[in-house]
């Protein structure tokens, strides 16, 4: 059973930076793709950033230029560096991993950006 554990969320002020990490129970390179999603109260879960096994990345338009997704092979984590945070970035951030046609989700980590 694949387990994904997010960490690094918290409360920050507008303009601050935060890094959230996703630790996987299996090698992160065993997944077809991994990504970060977020869900704000009353809104649908949305893709924030994704990275394929080959290393290709994609971002939501709202975070392009501010967020960076990366992989740490030593720590076996997928990280999301978030800069210039805005109140509208406030959400629960979830890690997702894809293997074949199976998706795995973490439990989420709260990111709150105060104005």
C-alpha atoms as a PDB file:
ATOM      1  CA  UNK A   1       0.000   0.000   0.000  1.00  0.00           C
ATOM      2  CA  UNK A   2       1.374   3.366  -1.044  1.00  0.00           C
ATOM      3  CA  UNK A   3       1.485   6.050   1.609  1.00  0.00           C
ATOM      4  CA  UNK A   4       2.031   9.728   0.968  1.00  0.00           C
ATOM      5  CA  UNK A   5       2.728  12.056   3.870  1.00  0.00           C
ATOM      6  CA  UNK A   6       2.721  15.815   3.433  1.00  0.00           C
ATOM      7  CA  UNK A   7       4.508  18.217   5.725  1.00  0.00           C
ATOM      8  CA  UNK A   8       5.596  21.820   5.892  1.00  0.00           C
ATOM      9  CA  UNK A   9       2.316  23.683   5.888  1.00  0.00           C
ATOM     10  CA  UNK A  10       1.634  26.557   8.221  1.00  0.00           C
ATOM     11  CA  UNK A  11       0.494  30.122   8.720  1.00  0.00           C
ATOM     12  CA  UNK A  12       2.433  32.832   6.924  1.00  0.00           C
ATOM     13  CA  UNK A  13       1.926  36.430   5.897  1.00  0.00           C
ATOM     14  CA  UNK A  14       1.342  37.728   2.395  1.00  0.00           C
ATOM     15  CA  UNK A  15       4.557  37.726   0.389  1.00  0.00           C
ATOM     16  CA  UNK A  16       6.218  35.033   2.454  1.00  0.00           C
ATOM     17  CA  UNK A  17       7.624  31.730   1.255  1.00  0.00           C
ATOM     18  CA  UNK A  18       6.852  28.193   2.317  1.00  0.00           C
ATOM     19  CA  UNK A  19       8.025  24.765   1.260  1.00  0.00           C
ATOM     20  CA  UNK A  20       5.799  21.741   1.515  1.00  0.00           C
ATOM     21  CA  UNK A  21       7.092  18.202   1.085  1.00  0.00           C
ATOM     22  CA  UNK A  22       5.542  14.883   0.191  1.00  0.00           C
ATOM     23  CA  UNK A  23       7.263  11.743   1.397  1.00  0.00           C
ATOM     24  CA  UNK A  24       6.333   8.505  -0.355  1.00  0.00           C
ATOM     25  CA  UNK A  25       6.523   4.967   0.979  1.00  0.00           C
ATOM     26  CA  UNK A  26       7.891   3.777  -2.354  1.00  0.00           C
ATOM     27  CA  UNK A  27      10.452   5.357  -4.629  1.00  0.00           C
ATOM     28  CA  UNK A  28       9.099   8.572  -6.075  1.00  0.00           C
ATOM     29  CA  UNK A  29      10.579   7.464  -9.398  1.00  0.00           C
ATOM     30  CA  UNK A  30       8.287   4.430  -9.440  1.00  0.00           C
ATOM     31  CA  UNK A  31       5.301   6.669 -10.122  1.00  0.00           C
ATOM     32  CA  UNK A  32       4.210   7.801 -13.562  1.00  0.00           C
ATOM     33  CA  UNK A  33       3.653  11.261 -12.174  1.00  0.00           C
ATOM     34  CA  UNK A  34       3.276  13.119  -8.918  1.00  0.00           C
ATOM     35  CA  UNK A  35       1.679  16.398  -8.160  1.00  0.00           C
ATOM     36  CA  UNK A  36       0.379  18.910  -5.712  1.00  0.00           C
ATOM     37  CA  UNK A  37      -3.276  19.825  -5.538  1.00  0.00           C
ATOM     38  CA  UNK A  38      -5.099  22.212  -3.267  1.00  0.00           C
ATOM     39  CA  UNK A  39      -8.604  22.656  -2.020  1.00  0.00           C
ATOM     40  CA  UNK A  40      -9.920  25.839  -0.480  1.00  0.00           C
ATOM     41  CA  UNK A  41     -13.133  25.896   1.579  1.00  0.00           C
ATOM     42  CA  UNK A  42     -16.155  25.670  -0.673  1.00  0.00           C
ATOM     43  CA  UNK A  43     -14.072  25.088  -3.782  1.00  0.00           C
ATOM     44  CA  UNK A  44     -13.118  22.083  -5.847  1.00  0.00           C
ATOM     45  CA  UNK A  45      -9.717  20.491  -5.558  1.00  0.00           C
ATOM     46  CA  UNK A  46      -7.424  21.873  -8.251  1.00  0.00           C
ATOM     47  CA  UNK A  47      -4.051  21.025  -9.689  1.00  0.00           C
ATOM     48  CA  UNK A  48      -1.259  23.312  -8.518  1.00  0.00           C
ATOM     49  CA  UNK A  49       1.804  21.661 -10.031  1.00  0.00           C
ATOM     50  CA  UNK A  50       2.777  18.306 -11.454  1.00  0.00           C
ATOM     51  CA  UNK A  51       5.941  16.463 -12.373  1.00  0.00           C
ATOM     52  CA  UNK A  52       6.244  13.380 -14.527  1.00  0.00           C
ATOM     53  CA  UNK A  53       8.631  10.495 -14.080  1.00  0.00           C
ATOM     54  CA  UNK A  54      10.731  12.037 -16.848  1.00  0.00           C
ATOM     55  CA  UNK A  55      10.898  15.312 -14.973  1.00  0.00           C
ATOM     56  CA  UNK A  56       8.503  17.394 -17.043  1.00  0.00           C
ATOM     57  CA  UNK A  57       6.581  19.921 -14.998  1.00  0.00           C
ATOM     58  CA  UNK A  58       3.343  21.829 -15.362  1.00  0.00           C
ATOM     59  CA  UNK A  59       1.720  24.534 -13.275  1.00  0.00           C
ATOM     60  CA  UNK A  60      -1.608  26.180 -12.777  1.00  0.00           C
ATOM     61  CA  UNK A  61      -1.625  29.639 -14.340  1.00  0.00           C
ATOM     62  CA  UNK A  62      -2.298  31.180 -10.936  1.00  0.00           C
ATOM     63  CA  UNK A  63       1.025  29.946  -9.526  1.00  0.00           C
ATOM     64  CA  UNK A  64       3.349  30.160 -12.539  1.00  0.00           C
ATOM     65  CA  UNK A  65       6.468  32.092 -11.679  1.00  0.00           C
ATOM     66  CA  UNK A  66       5.820  31.794  -7.940  1.00  0.00           C
ATOM     67  CA  UNK A  67       5.747  28.050  -7.225  1.00  0.00           C
ATOM     68  CA  UNK A  68       8.297  25.403  -8.138  1.00  0.00           C
ATOM     69  CA  UNK A  69       7.838  21.651  -7.946  1.00  0.00           C
ATOM     70  CA  UNK A  70      10.903  19.484  -7.568  1.00  0.00           C
ATOM     71  CA  UNK A  71      12.087  16.044  -6.521  1.00  0.00           C
ATOM     72  CA  UNK A  72      14.686  15.163  -3.910  1.00  0.00           C
ATOM     73  CA  UNK A  73      16.091  11.739  -4.739  1.00  0.00           C
ATOM     74  CA  UNK A  74      18.022  11.487  -1.487  1.00  0.00           C
ATOM     75  CA  UNK A  75      15.061  12.254   0.772  1.00  0.00           C
ATOM     76  CA  UNK A  76      12.613  10.565  -1.622  1.00  0.00           C
ATOM     77  CA  UNK A  77      10.303  13.558  -1.523  1.00  0.00           C
ATOM     78  CA  UNK A  78       8.437  15.758  -3.955  1.00  0.00           C
ATOM     79  CA  UNK A  79       8.569  19.358  -2.858  1.00  0.00           C
ATOM     80  CA  UNK A  80       6.632  22.486  -3.642  1.00  0.00           C
ATOM     81  CA  UNK A  81       8.461  25.732  -3.060  1.00  0.00           C
ATOM     82  CA  UNK A  82       5.934  28.518  -2.763  1.00  0.00           C
ATOM     83  CA  UNK A  83       7.092  32.123  -3.008  1.00  0.00           C
ATOM     84  CA  UNK A  84       5.228  35.421  -2.938  1.00  0.00           C
ATOM     85  CA  UNK A  85       2.294  33.785  -1.247  1.00  0.00           C
ATOM     86  CA  UNK A  86      -1.106  35.440  -1.483  1.00  0.00           C
ATOM     87  CA  UNK A  87      -4.222  35.047   0.658  1.00  0.00           C
ATOM     88  CA  UNK A  88      -5.872  33.236  -2.258  1.00  0.00           C
ATOM     89  CA  UNK A  89      -3.247  30.501  -1.929  1.00  0.00           C
ATOM     90  CA  UNK A  90      -4.852  29.521   1.363  1.00  0.00           C
ATOM     91  CA  UNK A  91      -5.979  25.901   1.108  1.00  0.00           C
ATOM     92  CA  UNK A  92      -5.275  22.362   2.133  1.00  0.00           C
ATOM     93  CA  UNK A  93      -2.476  21.116  -0.087  1.00  0.00           C
ATOM     94  CA  UNK A  94      -2.542  17.470  -1.125  1.00  0.00           C
ATOM     95  CA  UNK A  95       0.093  15.271  -2.694  1.00  0.00           C
ATOM     96  CA  UNK A  96      -0.996  12.863  -5.411  1.00  0.00           C
ATOM     97  CA  UNK A  97       0.867   9.993  -7.033  1.00  0.00           C
ATOM     98  CA  UNK A  98      -0.088   8.050 -10.131  1.00  0.00           C
ATOM     99  CA  UNK A  99       0.894   4.467 -10.876  1.00  0.00           C
ATOM    100  CA  UNK A 100      -0.782   3.012 -13.908  1.00  0.00           C
ATOM    101  CA  UNK A 101      -4.470   3.795 -13.538  1.00  0.00           C
ATOM    102  CA  UNK A 102      -4.288   4.028  -9.756  1.00  0.00           C
ATOM    103  CA  UNK A 103      -4.118   7.300  -7.892  1.00  0.00           C
ATOM    104  CA  UNK A 104      -2.880   7.772  -4.335  1.00  0.00           C
ATOM    105  CA  UNK A 105      -3.483  10.779  -2.109  1.00  0.00           C
ATOM    106  CA  UNK A 106      -1.899  12.095   1.027  1.00  0.00           C
ATOM    107  CA  UNK A 107      -3.850  13.417   3.982  1.00  0.00           C
ATOM    108  CA  UNK A 108      -3.100  17.050   3.175  1.00  0.00           C
ATOM    109  CA  UNK A 109      -1.348  19.917   4.886  1.00  0.00           C
ATOM    110  CA  UNK A 110      -2.921  23.282   5.653  1.00  0.00           C
ATOM    111  CA  UNK A 111      -1.410  26.430   4.198  1.00  0.00           C
ATOM    112  CA  UNK A 112      -2.856  29.690   5.431  1.00  0.00           C
ATOM    113  CA  UNK A 113      -1.733  33.061   4.103  1.00  0.00           C
ATOM    114  CA  UNK A 114      -2.820  36.064   6.122  1.00  0.00           C
ATOM    115  CA  UNK A 115      -3.298  39.495   4.575  1.00  0.00           C
END
